[in-house]
All heavy atoms as atom14 arrays in JSON, in Angstrom:
{
  "sequence": "RHFAEPAWKALRGGRITIDVPITLGIVATFGLSVASFFAEGTHQYFDS",
  "atom14_mask": [
    [1, 1, 1, 1, 1, 1, 1, 1, 1, 1, 1, 0, 0, 0],
    [1, 1, 1, 1, 1, 1, 1, 1, 1, 1, 0, 0, 0, 0],
    [1, 1, 1, 1, 1, 1, 1, 1, 1, 1, 1, 0, 0, 0],
    [1, 1, 1, 1, 1, 0, 0, 0, 0, 0, 0, 0, 0, 0],
    [1, 1, 1, 1, 1, 1, 1, 1, 1, 0, 0, 0, 0, 0],
    [1, 1, 1, 1, 1, 1, 1, 0, 0, 0, 0, 0, 0, 0],
    [1, 1, 1, 1, 1, 0, 0, 0, 0, 0, 0, 0, 0, 0],
    [1, 1, 1, 1, 1, 1, 1, 1, 1, 1, 1, 1, 1, 1],
    [1, 1, 1, 1, 1, 1, 1, 1, 1, 0, 0, 0, 0, 0],
    [1, 1, 1, 1, 1, 0, 0, 0, 0, 0, 0, 0, 0, 0],
    [1, 1, 1, 1, 1, 1, 1, 1, 0, 0, 0, 0, 0, 0],
    [1, 1, 1, 1, 1, 1, 1, 1, 1, 1, 1, 0, 0, 0],
    [1, 1, 1, 1, 0, 0, 0, 0, 0, 0, 0, 0, 0, 0],
    [1, 1, 1, 1, 0, 0, 0, 0, 0, 0, 0, 0, 0, 0],
    [1, 1, 1, 1, 1, 1, 1, 1, 1, 1, 1, 0, 0, 0],
    [1, 1, 1, 1, 1, 1, 1, 1, 0, 0, 0, 0, 0, 0],
    [1, 1, 1, 1, 1, 1, 1, 0, 0, 0, 0, 0, 0, 0],
    [1, 1, 1, 1, 1, 1, 1, 1, 0, 0, 0, 0, 0, 0],
    [1, 1, 1, 1, 1, 1, 1, 1, 0, 0, 0, 0, 0, 0],
    [1, 1, 1, 1, 1, 1, 1, 0, 0, 0, 0, 0, 0, 0],
    [1, 1, 1, 1, 1, 1, 1, 0, 0, 0, 0, 0, 0, 0],
    [1, 1, 1, 1, 1, 1, 1, 1, 0, 0, 0, 0, 0, 0],
    [1, 1, 1, 1, 1, 1, 1, 0, 0, 0, 0, 0, 0, 0],
    [1, 1, 1, 1, 1, 1, 1, 1, 0, 0, 0, 0, 0, 0],
    [1, 1, 1, 1, 0, 0, 0, 0, 0, 0, 0, 0, 0, 0],
    [1, 1, 1, 1, 1, 1, 1, 1, 0, 0, 0, 0, 0, 0],
    [1, 1, 1, 1, 1, 1, 1, 0, 0, 0, 0, 0, 0, 0],
    [1, 1, 1, 1, 1, 0, 0, 0, 0, 0, 0, 0, 0, 0],
    [1, 1, 1, 1, 1, 1, 1, 0, 0, 0, 0, 0, 0, 0],
    [1, 1, 1, 1, 1, 1, 1, 1, 1, 1, 1, 0, 0, 0],
    [1, 1, 1, 1, 0, 0, 0, 0, 0, 0, 0, 0, 0, 0],
    [1, 1, 1, 1, 1, 1, 1, 1, 0, 0, 0, 0, 0, 0],
    [1, 1, 1, 1, 1, 1, 0, 0, 0, 0, 0, 0, 0, 0],
    [1, 1, 1, 1, 1, 1, 1, 0, 0, 0, 0, 0, 0, 0],
    [1, 1, 1, 1, 1, 0, 0, 0, 0, 0, 0, 0, 0, 0],
    [1, 1, 1, 1, 1, 1, 0, 0, 0, 0, 0, 0, 0, 0],
    [1, 1, 1, 1, 1, 1, 1, 1, 1, 1, 1, 0, 0, 0],
    [1, 1, 1, 1, 1, 1, 1, 1, 1, 1, 1, 0, 0, 0],
    [1, 1, 1, 1, 1, 0, 0, 0, 0, 0, 0, 0, 0, 0],
    [1, 1, 1, 1, 1, 1, 1, 1, 1, 0, 0, 0, 0, 0],
    [1, 1, 1, 1, 0, 0, 0, 0, 0, 0, 0, 0, 0, 0],
    [1, 1, 1, 1, 1, 1, 1, 0, 0, 0, 0, 0, 0, 0],
    [1, 1, 1, 1, 1, 1, 1, 1, 1, 1, 0, 0, 0, 0],
    [1, 1, 1, 1, 1, 1, 1, 1, 1, 0, 0, 0, 0, 0],
    [1, 1, 1, 1, 1, 1, 1, 1, 1, 1, 1, 1, 0, 0],
    [1, 1, 1, 1, 1, 1, 1, 1, 1, 1, 1, 0, 0, 0],
    [1, 1, 1, 1, 1, 1, 1, 1, 0, 0, 0, 0, 0, 0],
    [1, 1, 1, 1, 1, 1, 0, 0, 0, 0, 0, 0, 0, 0]
  ],
  "atom14_positions": [
    [[91.87, 151.41, 157.95], [90.53, 151.38, 157.23], [90.11, 149.92, 156.95], [88.93, 149.71, 156.93], [90.64, 152.16, 155.93], [89.38, 152.22, 155.08], [89.61, 152.96, 153.77], [88.44, 153.01, 153.02], [88.33, 153.66, 151.81], [89.44, 154.22, 151.27], [87.18, 153.62, 151.17], [0.0, 0.0, 0.0], [0.0, 0.0, 0.0], [0.0, 0.0, 0.0]],
    [[91.08, 149.01, 156.83], [90.66, 147.64, 156.71], [89.89, 147.13, 157.79], [89.05, 146.15, 157.64], [92.04, 146.77, 156.51], [91.75, 145.41, 156.16], [91.6, 145.01, 154.81], [91.68, 144.24, 156.89], [91.44, 143.67, 154.89], [91.47, 143.19, 156.13], [0.0, 0.0, 0.0], [0.0, 0.0, 0.0], [0.0, 0.0, 0.0], [0.0, 0.0, 0.0]],
    [[90.02, 147.61, 159.0], [89.31, 147.19, 160.13], [88.19, 148.12, 160.45], [87.1, 147.71, 161.04], [90.22, 147.01, 161.43], [91.44, 146.22, 161.13], [92.64, 146.92, 160.84], [91.32, 144.81, 161.11], [93.82, 146.1, 160.63], [92.49, 144.07, 160.89], [93.71, 144.74, 160.63], [0.0, 0.0, 0.0], [0.0, 0.0, 0.0], [0.0, 0.0, 0.0]],
    [[88.29, 149.44, 160.15], [87.33, 150.38, 160.59], [86.04, 150.3, 159.78], [84.93, 150.47, 160.36], [87.91, 151.87, 160.43], [0.0, 0.0, 0.0], [0.0, 0.0, 0.0], [0.0, 0.0, 0.0], [0.0, 0.0, 0.0], [0.0, 0.0, 0.0], [0.0, 0.0, 0.0], [0.0, 0.0, 0.0], [0.0, 0.0, 0.0], [0.0, 0.0, 0.0]],
    [[86.15, 150.16, 158.47], [84.95, 150.03, 157.73], [83.95, 148.9, 158.13], [82.82, 149.12, 158.37], [85.25, 149.87, 156.2], [85.75, 151.18, 155.59], [85.95, 151.08, 154.1], [86.03, 149.91, 153.59], [86.13, 152.15, 153.44], [0.0, 0.0, 0.0], [0.0, 0.0, 0.0], [0.0, 0.0, 0.0], [0.0, 0.0, 0.0], [0.0, 0.0, 0.0]],
    [[84.45, 147.62, 158.19], [83.52, 146.53, 158.7], [83.04, 146.83, 160.16], [81.91, 146.45, 160.51], [84.31, 145.36, 158.53], [85.74, 145.76, 158.49], [85.75, 147.13, 157.83], [0.0, 0.0, 0.0], [0.0, 0.0, 0.0], [0.0, 0.0, 0.0], [0.0, 0.0, 0.0], [0.0, 0.0, 0.0], [0.0, 0.0, 0.0], [0.0, 0.0, 0.0]],
    [[83.92, 147.47, 160.94], [83.6, 147.7, 162.33], [82.37, 148.66, 162.38], [81.35, 148.48, 163.12], [84.71, 148.25, 163.15], [0.0, 0.0, 0.0], [0.0, 0.0, 0.0], [0.0, 0.0, 0.0], [0.0, 0.0, 0.0], [0.0, 0.0, 0.0], [0.0, 0.0, 0.0], [0.0, 0.0, 0.0], [0.0, 0.0, 0.0], [0.0, 0.0, 0.0]],
    [[82.49, 149.71, 161.55], [81.37, 150.72, 161.59], [80.03, 150.14, 161.06], [79.04, 150.42, 161.58], [81.81, 151.94, 160.62], [80.79, 152.92, 160.48], [80.16, 153.28, 159.27], [80.16, 153.8, 161.46], [79.27, 154.28, 159.48], [79.18, 154.62, 160.79], [80.34, 153.86, 162.84], [78.38, 155.52, 161.47], [79.53, 154.82, 163.51], [78.6, 155.59, 162.82]],
    [[80.16, 149.34, 160.01], [78.9, 148.75, 159.45], [78.27, 147.78, 160.54], [77.12, 147.66, 160.63], [79.25, 147.99, 158.16], [79.55, 148.96, 157.03], [79.97, 148.2, 155.78], [80.16, 149.12, 154.6], [80.52, 148.36, 153.4], [0.0, 0.0, 0.0], [0.0, 0.0, 0.0], [0.0, 0.0, 0.0], [0.0, 0.0, 0.0], [0.0, 0.0, 0.0]],
    [[79.17, 147.03, 161.23], [78.66, 146.2, 162.24], [77.93, 146.92, 163.35], [76.89, 146.5, 163.8], [79.77, 145.3, 162.81], [0.0, 0.0, 0.0], [0.0, 0.0, 0.0], [0.0, 0.0, 0.0], [0.0, 0.0, 0.0], [0.0, 0.0, 0.0], [0.0, 0.0, 0.0], [0.0, 0.0, 0.0], [0.0, 0.0, 0.0], [0.0, 0.0, 0.0]],
    [[78.57, 148.02, 163.85], [77.93, 148.87, 164.82], [76.67, 149.49, 164.36], [75.7, 149.49, 165.18], [78.9, 149.94, 165.27], [80.13, 149.5, 166.04], [81.15, 150.65, 166.38], [79.72, 148.83, 167.36], [0.0, 0.0, 0.0], [0.0, 0.0, 0.0], [0.0, 0.0, 0.0], [0.0, 0.0, 0.0], [0.0, 0.0, 0.0], [0.0, 0.0, 0.0]],
    [[76.61, 149.87, 163.15], [75.32, 150.42, 162.67], [74.21, 149.42, 162.61], [73.02, 149.66, 162.72], [75.51, 151.03, 161.23], [76.25, 152.34, 161.25], [76.09, 152.95, 159.82], [76.41, 152.05, 158.75], [76.23, 152.38, 157.52], [75.68, 153.52, 157.06], [76.63, 151.47, 156.49], [0.0, 0.0, 0.0], [0.0, 0.0, 0.0], [0.0, 0.0, 0.0]],
    [[74.67, 148.14, 162.47], [73.67, 147.06, 162.4], [73.38, 146.44, 163.8], [72.68, 145.48, 163.95], [0.0, 0.0, 0.0], [0.0, 0.0, 0.0], [0.0, 0.0, 0.0], [0.0, 0.0, 0.0], [0.0, 0.0, 0.0], [0.0, 0.0, 0.0], [0.0, 0.0, 0.0], [0.0, 0.0, 0.0], [0.0, 0.0, 0.0], [0.0, 0.0, 0.0]],
    [[73.97, 147.13, 164.84], [73.76, 146.62, 166.18], [74.47, 145.38, 166.55], [74.09, 144.59, 167.44], [0.0, 0.0, 0.0], [0.0, 0.0, 0.0], [0.0, 0.0, 0.0], [0.0, 0.0, 0.0], [0.0, 0.0, 0.0], [0.0, 0.0, 0.0], [0.0, 0.0, 0.0], [0.0, 0.0, 0.0], [0.0, 0.0, 0.0], [0.0, 0.0, 0.0]],
    [[75.69, 145.18, 165.88], [76.38, 143.92, 166.12], [77.87, 144.28, 166.5], [78.4, 145.33, 166.14], [76.37, 142.98, 164.9], [74.96, 142.52, 164.55], [74.91, 141.73, 163.26], [73.56, 141.27, 163.04], [72.59, 141.98, 162.39], [72.85, 143.25, 162.09], [71.36, 141.49, 162.22], [0.0, 0.0, 0.0], [0.0, 0.0, 0.0], [0.0, 0.0, 0.0]],
    [[78.51, 143.32, 167.18], [79.93, 143.43, 167.57], [80.71, 142.36, 166.88], [80.35, 141.14, 167.01], [80.07, 143.34, 169.12], [79.24, 144.39, 169.78], [81.58, 143.44, 169.44], [79.74, 145.8, 169.53], [0.0, 0.0, 0.0], [0.0, 0.0, 0.0], [0.0, 0.0, 0.0], [0.0, 0.0, 0.0], [0.0, 0.0, 0.0], [0.0, 0.0, 0.0]],
    [[81.66, 142.72, 166.05], [82.58, 141.81, 165.47], [84.02, 142.0, 165.99], [84.26, 142.99, 166.66], [82.56, 141.96, 163.9], [83.08, 143.25, 163.53], [81.1, 141.79, 163.37], [0.0, 0.0, 0.0], [0.0, 0.0, 0.0], [0.0, 0.0, 0.0], [0.0, 0.0, 0.0], [0.0, 0.0, 0.0], [0.0, 0.0, 0.0], [0.0, 0.0, 0.0]],
    [[84.92, 141.15, 165.52], [86.25, 141.27, 166.01], [86.93, 142.55, 165.55], [87.89, 143.04, 166.24], [87.09, 140.05, 165.48], [88.5, 140.03, 166.12], [87.18, 140.08, 163.97], [88.46, 139.87, 167.65], [0.0, 0.0, 0.0], [0.0, 0.0, 0.0], [0.0, 0.0, 0.0], [0.0, 0.0, 0.0], [0.0, 0.0, 0.0], [0.0, 0.0, 0.0]],
    [[86.46, 143.18, 164.45], [87.0, 144.41, 163.99], [86.65, 145.61, 164.91], [87.41, 146.65, 164.9], [86.42, 144.74, 162.58], [86.94, 143.77, 161.53], [88.18, 143.45, 161.57], [86.17, 143.22, 160.79], [0.0, 0.0, 0.0], [0.0, 0.0, 0.0], [0.0, 0.0, 0.0], [0.0, 0.0, 0.0], [0.0, 0.0, 0.0], [0.0, 0.0, 0.0]],
    [[85.66, 145.5, 165.67], [85.24, 146.61, 166.57], [86.24, 146.93, 167.64], [86.8, 148.02, 167.76], [83.84, 146.41, 167.24], [83.43, 147.47, 168.25], [82.78, 146.36, 166.08], [0.0, 0.0, 0.0], [0.0, 0.0, 0.0], [0.0, 0.0, 0.0], [0.0, 0.0, 0.0], [0.0, 0.0, 0.0], [0.0, 0.0, 0.0], [0.0, 0.0, 0.0]],
    [[86.71, 145.97, 168.52], [87.78, 146.31, 169.48], [89.07, 146.58, 168.83], [89.86, 147.45, 169.45], [87.82, 144.89, 170.3], [87.2, 143.91, 169.44], [86.21, 144.59, 168.63], [0.0, 0.0, 0.0], [0.0, 0.0, 0.0], [0.0, 0.0, 0.0], [0.0, 0.0, 0.0], [0.0, 0.0, 0.0], [0.0, 0.0, 0.0], [0.0, 0.0, 0.0]],
    [[89.35, 145.99, 167.68], [90.66, 146.37, 166.93], [90.59, 147.85, 166.65], [91.61, 148.57, 166.81], [90.83, 145.5, 165.73], [91.15, 144.08, 166.17], [91.85, 146.09, 164.79], [91.2, 143.12, 165.01], [0.0, 0.0, 0.0], [0.0, 0.0, 0.0], [0.0, 0.0, 0.0], [0.0, 0.0, 0.0], [0.0, 0.0, 0.0], [0.0, 0.0, 0.0]],
    [[89.57, 148.31, 166.01], [89.36, 149.71, 165.63], [89.45, 150.56, 166.8], [90.12, 151.7, 166.74], [88.07, 149.91, 164.87], [88.03, 149.05, 163.72], [87.98, 151.37, 164.35], [0.0, 0.0, 0.0], [0.0, 0.0, 0.0], [0.0, 0.0, 0.0], [0.0, 0.0, 0.0], [0.0, 0.0, 0.0], [0.0, 0.0, 0.0], [0.0, 0.0, 0.0]],
    [[88.82, 150.18, 167.9], [88.85, 151.1, 169.13], [90.24, 151.23, 169.71], [90.62, 152.31, 170.08], [87.95, 150.46, 170.16], [86.41, 150.63, 169.89], [85.57, 149.87, 171.02], [85.96, 152.06, 169.77], [0.0, 0.0, 0.0], [0.0, 0.0, 0.0], [0.0, 0.0, 0.0], [0.0, 0.0, 0.0], [0.0, 0.0, 0.0], [0.0, 0.0, 0.0]],
    [[91.01, 150.16, 169.57], [92.35, 150.22, 170.02], [93.19, 151.12, 169.16], [94.06, 152.02, 169.72], [0.0, 0.0, 0.0], [0.0, 0.0, 0.0], [0.0, 0.0, 0.0], [0.0, 0.0, 0.0], [0.0, 0.0, 0.0], [0.0, 0.0, 0.0], [0.0, 0.0, 0.0], [0.0, 0.0, 0.0], [0.0, 0.0, 0.0], [0.0, 0.0, 0.0]],
    [[93.02, 151.06, 167.92], [93.77, 151.91, 166.98], [93.39, 153.45, 167.11], [94.27, 154.28, 167.29], [93.56, 151.45, 165.51], [94.15, 150.12, 165.28], [94.13, 152.51, 164.53], [93.82, 149.56, 163.92], [0.0, 0.0, 0.0], [0.0, 0.0, 0.0], [0.0, 0.0, 0.0], [0.0, 0.0, 0.0], [0.0, 0.0, 0.0], [0.0, 0.0, 0.0]],
    [[92.1, 153.73, 167.25], [91.63, 155.07, 167.35], [92.13, 155.62, 168.69], [92.53, 156.79, 168.74], [90.12, 155.11, 167.25], [89.56, 156.54, 167.59], [89.7, 154.71, 165.8], [0.0, 0.0, 0.0], [0.0, 0.0, 0.0], [0.0, 0.0, 0.0], [0.0, 0.0, 0.0], [0.0, 0.0, 0.0], [0.0, 0.0, 0.0], [0.0, 0.0, 0.0]],
    [[92.02, 154.84, 169.74], [92.38, 155.37, 171.13], [93.82, 155.71, 171.16], [94.24, 156.8, 171.67], [92.03, 154.4, 172.18], [0.0, 0.0, 0.0], [0.0, 0.0, 0.0], [0.0, 0.0, 0.0], [0.0, 0.0, 0.0], [0.0, 0.0, 0.0], [0.0, 0.0, 0.0], [0.0, 0.0, 0.0], [0.0, 0.0, 0.0], [0.0, 0.0, 0.0]],
    [[94.72, 154.82, 170.63], [96.14, 155.1, 170.64], [96.56, 156.24, 169.82], [97.36, 157.14, 170.21], [96.88, 153.83, 170.2], [96.44, 152.65, 171.04], [98.37, 153.97, 170.42], [0.0, 0.0, 0.0], [0.0, 0.0, 0.0], [0.0, 0.0, 0.0], [0.0, 0.0, 0.0], [0.0, 0.0, 0.0], [0.0, 0.0, 0.0], [0.0, 0.0, 0.0]],
    [[96.0, 156.29, 168.64], [96.38, 157.4, 167.67], [95.79, 158.62, 168.21], [96.41, 159.77, 168.07], [95.83, 157.07, 166.37], [96.21, 158.05, 165.27], [97.52, 158.16, 164.88], [95.27, 158.94, 164.66], [97.91, 159.17, 163.96], [95.64, 159.9, 163.69], [97.0, 159.97, 163.35], [0.0, 0.0, 0.0], [0.0, 0.0, 0.0], [0.0, 0.0, 0.0]],
    [[94.56, 158.7, 168.74], [93.97, 159.87, 169.22], [94.72, 160.54, 170.42], [94.96, 161.67, 170.47], [0.0, 0.0, 0.0], [0.0, 0.0, 0.0], [0.0, 0.0, 0.0], [0.0, 0.0, 0.0], [0.0, 0.0, 0.0], [0.0, 0.0, 0.0], [0.0, 0.0, 0.0], [0.0, 0.0, 0.0], [0.0, 0.0, 0.0], [0.0, 0.0, 0.0]],
    [[95.19, 159.65, 171.32], [95.98, 160.13, 172.45], [97.37, 160.67, 171.92], [97.72, 161.75, 172.51], [96.29, 158.95, 173.35], [97.21, 159.21, 174.56], [96.6, 160.28, 175.51], [97.5, 157.95, 175.39], [0.0, 0.0, 0.0], [0.0, 0.0, 0.0], [0.0, 0.0, 0.0], [0.0, 0.0, 0.0], [0.0, 0.0, 0.0], [0.0, 0.0, 0.0]],
    [[97.91, 160.05, 171.0], [99.12, 160.52, 170.47], [99.01, 161.9, 169.8], [99.87, 162.75, 169.93], [99.73, 159.52, 169.46], [99.98, 158.27, 170.12], [0.0, 0.0, 0.0], [0.0, 0.0, 0.0], [0.0, 0.0, 0.0], [0.0, 0.0, 0.0], [0.0, 0.0, 0.0], [0.0, 0.0, 0.0], [0.0, 0.0, 0.0], [0.0, 0.0, 0.0]],
    [[97.95, 162.1, 168.98], [97.72, 163.29, 168.29], [97.44, 164.49, 169.31], [98.03, 165.51, 169.15], [96.49, 163.2, 167.36], [96.03, 164.57, 166.76], [96.85, 162.23, 166.21], [0.0, 0.0, 0.0], [0.0, 0.0, 0.0], [0.0, 0.0, 0.0], [0.0, 0.0, 0.0], [0.0, 0.0, 0.0], [0.0, 0.0, 0.0], [0.0, 0.0, 0.0]],
    [[96.66, 164.14, 170.39], [96.41, 165.2, 171.31], [97.68, 165.57, 172.07], [97.98, 166.8, 172.33], [95.37, 164.63, 172.42], [0.0, 0.0, 0.0], [0.0, 0.0, 0.0], [0.0, 0.0, 0.0], [0.0, 0.0, 0.0], [0.0, 0.0, 0.0], [0.0, 0.0, 0.0], [0.0, 0.0, 0.0], [0.0, 0.0, 0.0], [0.0, 0.0, 0.0]],
    [[98.55, 164.59, 172.36], [99.84, 164.91, 173.0], [100.77, 165.64, 172.05], [101.5, 166.54, 172.48], [100.46, 163.6, 173.47], [101.72, 163.85, 174.09], [0.0, 0.0, 0.0], [0.0, 0.0, 0.0], [0.0, 0.0, 0.0], [0.0, 0.0, 0.0], [0.0, 0.0, 0.0], [0.0, 0.0, 0.0], [0.0, 0.0, 0.0], [0.0, 0.0, 0.0]],
    [[100.72, 165.3, 170.8], [101.5, 166.02, 169.73], [101.21, 167.49, 169.77], [102.11, 168.42, 169.76], [101.33, 165.36, 168.41], [101.93, 166.16, 167.33], [103.33, 166.06, 167.06], [101.17, 166.95, 166.43], [103.85, 166.7, 165.98], [101.79, 167.65, 165.44], [103.16, 167.6, 165.2], [0.0, 0.0, 0.0], [0.0, 0.0, 0.0], [0.0, 0.0, 0.0]],
    [[99.94, 167.9, 169.62], [99.54, 169.28, 169.52], [99.82, 169.93, 170.95], [100.02, 171.2, 170.99], [98.17, 169.44, 169.11], [97.97, 169.13, 167.64], [97.37, 168.0, 167.25], [98.38, 170.09, 166.71], [97.22, 167.72, 165.84], [98.3, 169.84, 165.34], [97.65, 168.69, 164.94], [0.0, 0.0, 0.0], [0.0, 0.0, 0.0], [0.0, 0.0, 0.0]],
    [[99.68, 169.25, 172.04], [100.08, 169.91, 173.31], [101.54, 169.86, 173.63], [101.96, 170.27, 174.72], [99.19, 169.08, 174.37], [0.0, 0.0, 0.0], [0.0, 0.0, 0.0], [0.0, 0.0, 0.0], [0.0, 0.0, 0.0], [0.0, 0.0, 0.0], [0.0, 0.0, 0.0], [0.0, 0.0, 0.0], [0.0, 0.0, 0.0], [0.0, 0.0, 0.0]],
    [[102.27, 169.26, 172.72], [103.76, 169.1, 172.91], [104.12, 168.41, 174.15], [105.04, 168.74, 174.82], [104.39, 170.57, 172.89], [104.26, 171.32, 171.57], [105.1, 172.57, 171.55], [105.94, 172.74, 172.41], [104.92, 173.35, 170.57], [0.0, 0.0, 0.0], [0.0, 0.0, 0.0], [0.0, 0.0, 0.0], [0.0, 0.0, 0.0], [0.0, 0.0, 0.0]],
    [[103.31, 167.31, 174.36], [103.59, 166.42, 175.48], [104.51, 165.37, 175.11], [105.01, 165.3, 174.08], [0.0, 0.0, 0.0], [0.0, 0.0, 0.0], [0.0, 0.0, 0.0], [0.0, 0.0, 0.0], [0.0, 0.0, 0.0], [0.0, 0.0, 0.0], [0.0, 0.0, 0.0], [0.0, 0.0, 0.0], [0.0, 0.0, 0.0], [0.0, 0.0, 0.0]],
    [[104.74, 164.45, 176.04], [105.68, 163.39, 175.95], [105.0, 161.97, 175.6], [105.66, 161.02, 175.24], [106.49, 163.12, 177.17], [105.69, 162.92, 178.31], [107.32, 164.44, 177.3], [0.0, 0.0, 0.0], [0.0, 0.0, 0.0], [0.0, 0.0, 0.0], [0.0, 0.0, 0.0], [0.0, 0.0, 0.0], [0.0, 0.0, 0.0], [0.0, 0.0, 0.0]],
    [[103.64, 161.95, 175.64], [102.93, 160.66, 175.49], [102.51, 160.53, 174.08], [101.34, 160.65, 173.71], [101.68, 160.59, 176.42], [102.05, 160.65, 177.87], [102.67, 159.65, 178.6], [101.91, 161.67, 178.8], [102.88, 159.97, 179.81], [102.42, 161.14, 179.93], [0.0, 0.0, 0.0], [0.0, 0.0, 0.0], [0.0, 0.0, 0.0], [0.0, 0.0, 0.0]],
    [[103.49, 160.33, 173.17], [103.17, 160.11, 171.69], [103.62, 158.76, 171.35], [104.8, 158.32, 171.61], [103.94, 161.16, 170.88], [103.51, 162.6, 171.21], [104.27, 163.58, 170.49], [104.72, 163.32, 169.31], [104.46, 164.79, 171.01], [0.0, 0.0, 0.0], [0.0, 0.0, 0.0], [0.0, 0.0, 0.0], [0.0, 0.0, 0.0], [0.0, 0.0, 0.0]],
    [[102.63, 158.0, 170.75], [102.94, 156.57, 170.55], [102.66, 156.29, 169.01], [102.0, 155.27, 168.71], [101.97, 155.69, 171.41], [102.13, 156.01, 172.9], [101.12, 156.7, 173.5], [103.18, 155.62, 173.63], [101.17, 157.01, 174.82], [103.36, 155.99, 175.0], [102.3, 156.68, 175.56], [102.41, 156.95, 176.87], [0.0, 0.0, 0.0], [0.0, 0.0, 0.0]],
    [[103.16, 157.08, 168.18], [102.95, 156.89, 166.76], [103.69, 155.64, 166.26], [103.19, 154.83, 165.4], [103.48, 158.1, 165.95], [102.72, 159.36, 166.24], [103.31, 160.43, 166.81], [101.35, 159.43, 165.92], [102.57, 161.58, 167.09], [100.69, 160.62, 166.15], [101.32, 161.7, 166.76], [0.0, 0.0, 0.0], [0.0, 0.0, 0.0], [0.0, 0.0, 0.0]],
    [[104.83, 155.28, 166.85], [105.56, 154.12, 166.5], [104.76, 152.93, 166.87], [104.65, 151.87, 166.2], [106.99, 154.01, 167.12], [106.91, 154.25, 168.65], [105.88, 154.93, 169.14], [107.75, 153.79, 169.37], [0.0, 0.0, 0.0], [0.0, 0.0, 0.0], [0.0, 0.0, 0.0], [0.0, 0.0, 0.0], [0.0, 0.0, 0.0], [0.0, 0.0, 0.0]],
    [[104.13, 152.85, 168.07], [103.36, 151.76, 168.58], [102.1, 151.5, 167.78], [101.78, 150.37, 167.42], [102.98, 152.02, 170.08], [104.17, 152.16, 170.83], [0.0, 0.0, 0.0], [0.0, 0.0, 0.0], [0.0, 0.0, 0.0], [0.0, 0.0, 0.0], [0.0, 0.0, 0.0], [0.0, 0.0, 0.0], [0.0, 0.0, 0.0], [0.0, 0.0, 0.0]]
  ]
}
């Protein structure tokens, strides 16, 4: 949340800050891991 909140506000204002790619990386990795978890797959990267 430390990175997501300022990233969201920046995007709403039509701007890109360093928090935006950081948040995208966190969301993408966690989202892939959650999808794999419920599908009982092997691509889970919660530790990463």
